[in-house]
Amino acid sequence: MNPIILVMLIVGFFLALGIITVFMEYKKQKLLKPNATINKKFLVKGVNTIAVGLALLIGLNTMGRGPWLLGGLIPIFIGNFYMIFYLFIDKEN
């Protein structure tokens, strides 16, 4: 199998997994608090997760480049999912 196709499949899988996870959390929050606005929660979670991921990335970068940098990159991507979802949810509720 072509390595580019394999990488695209892996990235697509994790992209879909991240989107589904954030969407399910959004639905759970809507069921628990139907009248409250949960837009700010996604914004705060996204900023906090990106900040933690960036701090981990900088801290782990002192050890050099390697697979341990994923410990900082993964929270950054999860925070980006929260931020993107914050931009797409309706602002009226």
Protein backbone atom coordinates (compact mmCIF):
# COMPACT_ATOMS: atom_id res chain seq x y z
CA MET A 1 0.00 0.00 0.00
CA ASN A 2 1.21 3.47 -0.82
CA PRO A 3 2.53 5.28 2.32
CA ILE A 4 0.76 8.52 1.40
CA ILE A 5 -2.59 6.76 1.28
CA LEU A 6 -1.86 5.10 4.61
CA VAL A 7 -1.04 8.44 6.24
CA MET A 8 -4.17 10.01 4.76
CA LEU A 9 -6.30 7.17 6.15
CA ILE A 10 -4.79 7.53 9.62
CA VAL A 11 -5.22 11.32 9.65
CA GLY A 12 -8.79 10.96 8.37
CA PHE A 13 -9.59 8.42 11.08
CA PHE A 14 -8.33 10.68 13.86
CA LEU A 15 -10.07 13.69 12.31
CA ALA A 16 -13.39 11.84 12.26
CA LEU A 17 -12.81 10.56 15.80
CA GLY A 18 -12.15 14.08 17.07
CA ILE A 19 -15.22 15.53 15.37
CA ILE A 20 -17.49 12.75 16.65
CA THR A 21 -16.12 13.09 20.19
CA VAL A 22 -16.67 16.85 20.37
CA PHE A 23 -20.14 16.54 18.81
CA MET A 24 -21.17 13.89 21.34
CA GLU A 25 -19.96 16.09 24.18
CA TYR A 26 -21.98 18.96 22.74
CA LYS A 27 -25.12 16.79 22.65
CA LYS A 28 -24.48 15.64 26.22
CA GLN A 29 -24.17 19.22 27.43
CA LYS A 30 -27.38 20.18 25.61
CA LEU A 31 -29.24 17.32 27.33
CA LEU A 32 -27.93 18.22 30.78
CA LYS A 33 -28.51 21.97 30.48
CA PRO A 34 -30.95 22.65 27.64
CA ASN A 35 -31.50 26.34 28.42
CA ALA A 36 -27.95 27.32 29.33
CA THR A 37 -25.49 28.53 26.76
CA ILE A 38 -22.63 26.12 26.37
CA ASN A 39 -20.80 28.11 23.74
CA LYS A 40 -18.40 29.60 26.27
CA LYS A 41 -17.54 26.15 27.66
CA PHE A 42 -16.21 25.02 24.30
CA LEU A 43 -14.23 28.23 23.93
CA VAL A 44 -12.67 27.90 27.39
CA LYS A 45 -11.94 24.19 26.91
CA GLY A 46 -10.33 24.87 23.57
CA VAL A 47 -8.09 27.66 24.82
CA ASN A 48 -7.06 25.70 27.92
CA THR A 49 -6.29 22.55 25.97
CA ILE A 50 -4.28 24.45 23.37
CA ALA A 51 -2.32 26.21 26.13
CA VAL A 52 -1.52 22.92 27.89
CA GLY A 53 -0.53 21.30 24.60
CA LEU A 54 1.72 24.22 23.71
CA ALA A 55 3.40 24.10 27.14
CA LEU A 56 3.96 20.35 26.77
CA LEU A 57 5.30 20.81 23.26
CA ILE A 58 7.79 23.44 24.38
CA GLY A 59 8.82 21.38 27.40
CA LEU A 60 9.24 18.16 25.44
CA ASN A 61 11.08 19.95 22.66
CA THR A 62 14.02 20.45 25.03
CA MET A 63 14.68 16.70 24.73
CA GLY A 64 15.06 17.00 20.97
CA ARG A 65 12.85 15.93 18.13
CA GLY A 66 11.14 12.60 18.35
CA PRO A 67 7.84 10.80 18.86
CA TRP A 68 7.49 12.21 22.41
CA LEU A 69 6.45 15.52 20.84
CA LEU A 70 3.06 13.92 20.19
CA GLY A 71 2.41 14.46 23.90
CA GLY A 72 2.14 18.15 23.09
CA LEU A 73 0.74 17.98 19.57
CA ILE A 74 -2.27 15.81 20.42
CA PRO A 75 -3.71 18.29 22.99
CA ILE A 76 -3.17 21.11 20.52
CA PHE A 77 -5.24 19.27 17.90
CA ILE A 78 -7.96 18.43 20.42
CA GLY A 79 -8.09 22.10 21.44
CA ASN A 80 -8.39 23.04 17.79
CA PHE A 81 -11.41 20.72 17.48
CA TYR A 82 -13.05 22.53 20.39
CA MET A 83 -12.31 25.93 18.86
CA ILE A 84 -13.62 24.90 15.42
CA PHE A 85 -16.76 23.46 16.99
CA TYR A 86 -17.23 26.70 18.96
CA LEU A 87 -17.22 28.61 15.67
CA PHE A 88 -19.81 26.32 14.08
CA ILE A 89 -22.42 25.95 16.82
CA ASP A 90 -25.39 28.27 16.77
CA LYS A 91 -25.04 31.42 18.85
CA GLU A 92 -28.74 32.02 19.54
CA ASN A 93 -29.17 29.30 22.18
